[in-house]
Protein backbone atom coordinates (compact mmCIF):
# COMPACT_ATOMS: atom_id res chain seq x y z
CA MET A 1 9.54 -28.75 -5.84
CA SER A 2 8.54 -28.05 -2.29
CA ASN A 3 10.75 -24.90 -2.42
CA VAL A 4 9.23 -23.58 -5.51
CA ILE A 5 5.65 -23.79 -3.92
CA LEU A 6 7.00 -22.26 -0.98
CA MET A 7 8.84 -19.29 -2.90
CA ILE A 8 5.55 -18.87 -5.05
CA PHE A 9 3.51 -18.27 -1.87
CA THR A 10 6.14 -16.17 -0.26
CA GLY A 11 6.34 -14.14 -3.30
CA LEU A 12 2.51 -13.74 -3.61
CA SER A 13 2.23 -12.66 0.11
CA VAL A 14 4.98 -9.88 -0.35
CA GLY A 15 3.40 -8.97 -3.51
CA ALA A 16 0.06 -8.69 -1.76
CA VAL A 17 1.65 -5.97 0.71
CA TYR A 18 3.07 -4.05 -2.07
CA PHE A 19 -0.17 -3.98 -4.00
CA LEU A 20 -1.94 -2.81 -0.67
CA LEU A 21 0.45 0.40 -0.68
CA GLY A 22 0.70 0.54 -4.50
CA SER A 23 -2.98 0.56 -5.11
CA GLY A 24 -3.29 3.72 -2.89
CA LEU A 25 -0.72 5.45 -4.85
CA ALA A 26 -2.36 4.18 -7.97
CA LEU A 27 -5.57 5.86 -6.99
CA ILE A 28 -4.01 9.16 -5.79
CA PHE A 29 -1.61 9.86 -8.40
CA GLY A 30 -3.34 8.09 -11.30
CA LEU A 31 -6.73 9.66 -10.67
CA MET A 32 -5.83 13.03 -8.95
CA ARG A 33 -2.52 13.55 -10.47
CA VAL A 34 -1.05 14.34 -6.98
CA LEU A 35 2.31 13.09 -5.94
CA THR A 36 2.44 12.13 -2.33
CA PHE A 37 5.35 10.79 -0.24
CA ALA A 38 3.48 10.52 2.92
CA HIS A 39 2.00 7.12 2.20
CA GLY A 40 4.92 5.47 3.66
CA ALA A 41 4.44 7.40 7.03
CA TYR A 42 0.88 6.28 6.80
CA LEU A 43 1.95 2.83 6.63
CA THR A 44 4.19 3.14 9.62
CA ALA A 45 1.64 5.09 11.88
CA CYS A 46 -1.01 2.40 11.33
CA ALA A 47 1.46 -0.40 11.88
CA TYR A 48 2.15 1.14 15.29
CA ALA A 49 -1.55 1.53 15.82
CA GLY A 50 -2.01 -2.32 15.02
CA TRP A 51 0.91 -3.08 17.38
CA PHE A 52 -0.36 -1.18 20.20
CA ILE A 53 -3.87 -2.86 19.88
CA LEU A 54 -2.38 -6.46 19.81
CA ARG A 55 0.02 -5.59 22.39
CA HIS A 56 -2.56 -4.56 24.89
CA SER A 57 -4.75 -7.52 24.24
CA SER A 58 -1.77 -10.03 24.44
CA LEU A 59 -1.21 -8.69 27.93
CA ALA A 60 -4.77 -9.80 29.02
CA ALA A 61 -5.80 -13.04 27.14
CA GLY A 62 -3.61 -12.96 24.09
CA PRO A 63 -4.31 -11.80 20.56
CA SER A 64 -7.57 -13.38 19.20
CA ILE A 65 -9.33 -13.24 15.77
CA GLY A 66 -11.48 -10.41 17.34
CA THR A 67 -8.54 -8.53 18.32
CA LEU A 68 -6.74 -8.88 14.96
CA LEU A 69 -10.00 -7.80 13.19
CA LEU A 70 -10.09 -4.74 15.51
CA ALA A 71 -6.35 -3.96 14.88
CA LEU A 72 -7.17 -3.99 11.24
CA LEU A 73 -10.12 -1.86 11.42
CA VAL A 74 -8.05 0.81 13.86
CA GLY A 75 -5.29 0.69 11.25
CA VAL A 76 -8.04 1.42 8.40
CA VAL A 77 -9.54 4.39 10.38
CA VAL A 78 -6.15 5.92 11.46
CA GLY A 79 -4.83 5.70 7.91
CA GLY A 80 -8.09 7.17 6.44
CA ALA A 81 -7.80 10.13 9.01
CA LEU A 82 -4.39 10.92 8.38
CA ALA A 83 -4.95 11.03 4.57
CA PHE A 84 -8.22 12.96 5.09
CA LEU A 85 -6.42 15.70 7.09
CA THR A 86 -3.59 15.63 4.86
CA GLU A 87 -5.59 16.41 1.66
CA ARG A 88 -8.05 19.10 3.61
CA VAL A 89 -5.45 20.92 5.12
CA LEU A 90 -2.16 20.61 2.91
CA LEU A 91 -2.91 19.64 -0.42
CA ARG A 92 -6.31 21.16 -1.31
CA ALA A 93 -4.68 24.47 -1.99
CA LEU A 94 -1.70 22.84 -4.34
CA TYR A 95 -3.81 21.12 -7.11
CA GLN A 96 -3.20 23.84 -9.50
CA ARG A 97 0.47 24.21 -8.46
CA ASP A 98 3.56 22.21 -9.66
CA HIS A 99 4.05 18.61 -8.65
CA LEU A 100 7.40 19.71 -6.96
CA ASP A 101 5.18 21.42 -4.28
CA GLN A 102 2.97 18.66 -3.55
CA LEU A 103 6.32 16.40 -3.17
CA LEU A 104 7.91 18.68 -0.71
CA VAL A 105 4.95 18.88 1.42
CA THR A 106 4.03 15.42 1.53
CA ALA A 107 7.66 14.14 1.83
CA GLY A 108 7.94 17.01 4.80
CA LEU A 109 4.68 15.72 6.64
CA GLY A 110 6.15 11.95 6.22
CA PHE A 111 9.42 12.79 7.94
CA SER A 112 7.66 14.85 10.54
CA LEU A 113 5.30 11.74 11.34
CA VAL A 114 8.18 9.35 11.34
CA ALA A 115 10.26 11.64 13.61
CA LEU A 116 7.20 11.77 15.98
CA LEU A 117 6.80 7.91 16.18
CA ASN A 118 10.62 7.68 16.53
CA GLY A 119 10.48 10.07 19.63
CA ILE A 120 7.68 8.21 21.24
CA TRP A 121 8.53 4.37 20.68
CA GLY A 122 12.36 4.90 19.65
CA PRO A 123 13.96 3.29 16.45
CA ASP A 124 14.14 -0.28 18.09
CA SER A 125 11.93 -3.00 16.37
CA ARG A 126 9.23 -4.10 18.52
CA ALA A 127 7.60 -7.70 18.33
CA VAL A 128 4.04 -7.97 17.20
CA PRO A 129 1.80 -10.18 19.11
CA THR A 130 0.30 -12.33 16.30
CA PRO A 131 -2.64 -14.86 16.70
CA PRO A 132 -1.23 -18.56 16.75
CA TRP A 133 -3.43 -19.43 13.77
CA PHE A 134 -1.94 -16.68 11.72
CA THR A 135 1.53 -18.22 11.63
CA ARG A 136 0.35 -21.71 11.82
CA THR A 137 1.03 -23.89 8.58
CA THR A 138 -1.81 -25.39 6.75
CA THR A 139 -1.95 -28.98 5.16
CA ASP A 140 1.08 -29.18 3.02
CA ILE A 141 1.04 -28.38 -0.79
CA PHE A 142 3.31 -30.53 -2.59
CA GLY A 143 5.44 -30.72 0.58
CA ALA A 144 5.50 -26.89 1.15
CA HIS A 145 4.50 -25.79 4.50
CA ILE A 146 2.42 -22.57 3.87
CA ALA A 147 1.38 -20.50 6.70
CA ARG A 148 -2.14 -19.33 6.91
CA GLY A 149 -1.12 -15.78 7.10
CA ASP A 150 0.08 -16.01 3.62
CA PHE A 151 -3.57 -16.96 2.46
CA VAL A 152 -4.91 -14.20 4.46
CA LEU A 153 -2.73 -11.45 2.67
CA ILE A 154 -3.44 -13.06 -0.89
CA GLY A 155 -7.09 -13.01 -0.02
CA VAL A 156 -7.31 -9.42 1.31
CA ALA A 157 -5.37 -8.32 -1.85
CA VAL A 158 -7.74 -10.07 -4.09
CA LEU A 159 -10.65 -8.66 -2.24
CA LEU A 160 -9.40 -5.27 -2.34
CA LEU A 161 -8.86 -5.10 -5.99
CA ILE A 162 -12.08 -6.38 -6.84
CA ALA A 163 -13.60 -3.57 -4.07
CA LEU A 164 -11.85 -0.67 -5.62
CA GLU A 165 -12.69 -1.54 -9.20
CA ALA A 166 -16.30 -1.83 -8.29
CA PHE A 167 -16.02 1.43 -6.40
CA LEU A 168 -14.70 3.35 -9.49
CA LYS A 169 -16.98 1.56 -12.19
CA HIS A 170 -20.34 1.34 -10.28
CA THR A 171 -20.44 4.18 -7.87
CA ARG A 172 -21.28 8.02 -8.25
CA HIS A 173 -18.00 9.09 -6.49
CA GLY A 174 -16.03 6.76 -8.72
CA LEU A 175 -17.76 7.97 -11.99
CA VAL A 176 -17.31 11.90 -10.72
CA VAL A 177 -13.48 11.25 -10.03
CA ARG A 178 -12.82 9.69 -13.43
CA ALA A 179 -14.65 12.27 -15.22
CA GLY A 180 -13.07 15.01 -13.03
CA VAL A 181 -9.65 13.63 -14.14
CA GLU A 182 -10.54 14.11 -17.94
CA ASN A 183 -12.14 17.49 -17.62
CA ARG A 184 -12.45 19.21 -14.01
CA GLU A 185 -14.11 22.34 -15.57
CA MET A 186 -17.02 20.66 -17.26
CA VAL A 187 -17.69 18.54 -14.40
CA ARG A 188 -17.84 21.91 -12.30
CA ALA A 189 -20.12 23.10 -14.94
CA LEU A 190 -22.65 20.56 -14.48
CA GLY A 191 -22.73 21.67 -10.75
CA ILE A 192 -20.83 18.69 -9.24
CA ASP A 193 -18.45 19.59 -6.50
CA VAL A 194 -15.25 17.43 -7.63
CA ARG A 195 -13.33 18.42 -4.55
CA ARG A 196 -15.43 16.22 -2.34
CA SER A 197 -14.90 13.14 -4.59
CA PHE A 198 -11.11 13.76 -4.59
CA THR A 199 -11.03 14.01 -0.82
CA LEU A 200 -12.77 10.80 -0.57
CA ILE A 201 -10.28 9.13 -3.14
CA PHE A 202 -7.35 10.47 -0.97
CA THR A 203 -9.00 9.11 1.97
CA VAL A 204 -9.48 5.56 0.44
CA GLY A 205 -5.78 5.53 -0.42
CA GLY A 206 -4.60 6.35 3.19
CA ALA A 207 -7.32 3.74 4.43
CA VAL A 208 -5.78 1.08 2.18
CA ALA A 209 -2.44 1.99 3.33
CA GLY A 210 -3.30 1.81 6.80
CA LEU A 211 -4.69 -1.72 5.98
CA GLY A 212 -1.30 -2.69 4.34
CA GLY A 213 0.50 -1.43 7.71
CA VAL A 214 -1.09 -3.48 9.93
CA LEU A 215 -0.80 -6.71 7.75
CA ALA A 216 2.78 -5.84 6.98
CA ALA A 217 3.53 -5.70 10.81
CA LEU A 218 1.89 -9.04 11.22
CA TYR A 219 3.88 -10.50 8.24
CA ALA A 220 7.00 -9.34 9.62
CA ASN A 221 6.15 -10.14 13.38
CA ALA A 222 7.73 -6.80 14.04
CA VAL A 223 7.28 -3.01 13.52
CA ASN A 224 9.83 -0.02 13.57
CA THR A 225 9.93 3.26 12.12
CA THR A 226 11.53 2.49 8.78
CA ILE A 227 9.01 -0.02 7.56
CA GLY A 228 6.93 2.50 5.76
CA ASP A 229 9.94 3.80 3.86
CA THR A 230 11.08 0.33 2.79
CA TYR A 231 7.64 -0.61 1.49
CA LEU A 232 6.97 3.01 -0.07
CA LEU A 233 10.03 2.21 -2.41
CA TYR A 234 8.70 -0.59 -3.71
CA ALA A 235 5.32 0.66 -3.88
CA PHE A 236 6.46 3.25 -6.42
CA ILE A 237 8.43 0.49 -8.39
CA VAL A 238 4.87 -0.91 -8.65
CA LEU A 239 3.21 2.17 -9.62
CA VAL A 240 5.83 2.68 -12.43
CA VAL A 241 5.75 -0.97 -13.63
CA GLY A 242 1.87 -1.17 -13.43
CA GLY A 243 1.15 2.04 -15.19
CA LEU A 244 -0.71 5.36 -13.96
CA GLY A 245 -3.99 4.93 -12.34
CA SER A 246 -4.30 1.02 -13.35
CA LEU A 247 -5.32 -1.02 -10.54
CA ARG A 248 -4.94 -4.14 -12.36
CA GLY A 249 -1.68 -3.07 -13.61
CA ALA A 250 -0.33 -2.50 -9.95
CA ALA A 251 -1.92 -5.94 -9.11
CA ILE A 252 0.31 -7.35 -11.80
CA ALA A 253 3.40 -5.40 -11.27
CA ALA A 254 2.98 -6.14 -7.35
CA LEU A 255 2.90 -9.97 -7.84
CA ALA A 256 5.81 -9.67 -10.61
CA VAL A 257 8.20 -7.75 -8.07
CA GLY A 258 7.25 -9.88 -5.20
CA LEU A 259 7.93 -13.00 -6.97
CA LEU A 260 10.96 -11.82 -8.66
CA GLN A 261 12.51 -10.86 -5.36
CA GLN A 262 11.86 -14.14 -3.75
CA PHE A 263 13.04 -16.38 -6.59
CA ALA A 264 16.31 -14.10 -7.00
CA ASN A 265 17.06 -13.91 -3.44
CA PHE A 266 16.53 -17.82 -2.45
CA TYR A 267 18.10 -19.25 -5.70
CA VAL A 268 21.03 -16.74 -6.87
CA ASN A 269 21.83 -14.40 -3.99
CA PRO A 270 20.17 -12.48 -1.06
CA GLY A 271 19.66 -9.04 -2.09
CA LEU A 272 19.62 -9.64 -6.07
CA GLY A 273 15.82 -9.56 -6.08
CA GLU A 274 15.91 -5.90 -4.80
CA ILE A 275 18.34 -4.84 -7.51
CA LEU A 276 16.40 -6.53 -10.13
CA SER A 277 13.25 -4.59 -9.04
CA PHE A 278 14.89 -1.45 -9.70
CA ILE A 279 16.31 -3.05 -13.01
CA LEU A 280 12.75 -3.93 -13.91
CA MET A 281 11.67 -0.52 -13.21
CA GLY A 282 14.00 1.10 -15.38
CA ALA A 283 13.58 -1.33 -18.27
CA MET A 284 9.82 -0.41 -18.27
CA LEU A 285 10.58 3.38 -18.28
CA LEU A 286 12.82 2.81 -21.18
CA LEU A 287 10.78 0.34 -23.27
CA ARG A 288 7.11 0.66 -22.06
CA PRO A 289 6.87 3.81 -20.11
CA GLU A 290 2.92 3.39 -20.23
CA GLY A 291 3.41 0.48 -17.86
CA VAL A 292 1.64 -2.60 -17.88
CA GLY A 293 -1.63 -1.00 -17.46
CA GLY A 294 -1.14 1.06 -20.60
CA LYS A 295 -1.45 4.55 -19.01
CA LYS A 296 1.80 6.73 -19.29
CA ILE A 297 3.18 8.38 -16.36
CA ARG A 298 3.54 12.39 -16.63
CA LEU A 299 4.75 14.61 -14.03
CA ILE A 300 4.53 17.82 -16.20
């Protein structure tokens, strides 16, 4: 029983990280119809930014709750700034062009940013100083020792889902973006500048990726230049399984993928969970292409 509880919480924690990256993609791809491959690089850059803050704090008095919050804030700012610059400088001129152009530009940006990080800090993994309370186990749950960090990841993902849905449904920018996706010309005819709202959505997506990058580094207790590519792969699985532009679908898909991986790897064979994740994505594309959220992904 304790192993089952442990696998559930581990799967939920991994799924929470997948959702942090997948939700940004769901916003950008689902609402703006922009296909970006730079999200993994945002996560990597922000993971290093968080590591830098925590490392320098550990040289003084050790990482604290305040330092952790500062690292998360820096990750959000760096991720949002990178996404803002990407949208304004590279993507704004490509909205009316083929998705392949967007893919190539953002993929090139991602490779360049990762290469820059690799040149500065090298390919080797670096340990991330973590506040002791983050890894300390809480009161046993049916005999399972659950780290407090798992509750932090799950809690952040839940709060983010609530905040993003409230933003899209109850704010002016959220309503403008949703209307602009349906009929951009009509919104422009009303005198509303859709581009500003699209820039905001792209920036929010990058900021969410930055938050996920710092938390992913804390969860793994290490950071390297491949961390973003690994999570980006599963974020696209979450995007496909959850459905285009559906935040709740992305949340359900992220939890399903995280739990599937943990149980398959623990009870059957290590590595099987990753294979089953791709099988799940293929099955959804064949049997329910609209995904859990009910919105079909169209690239043309």
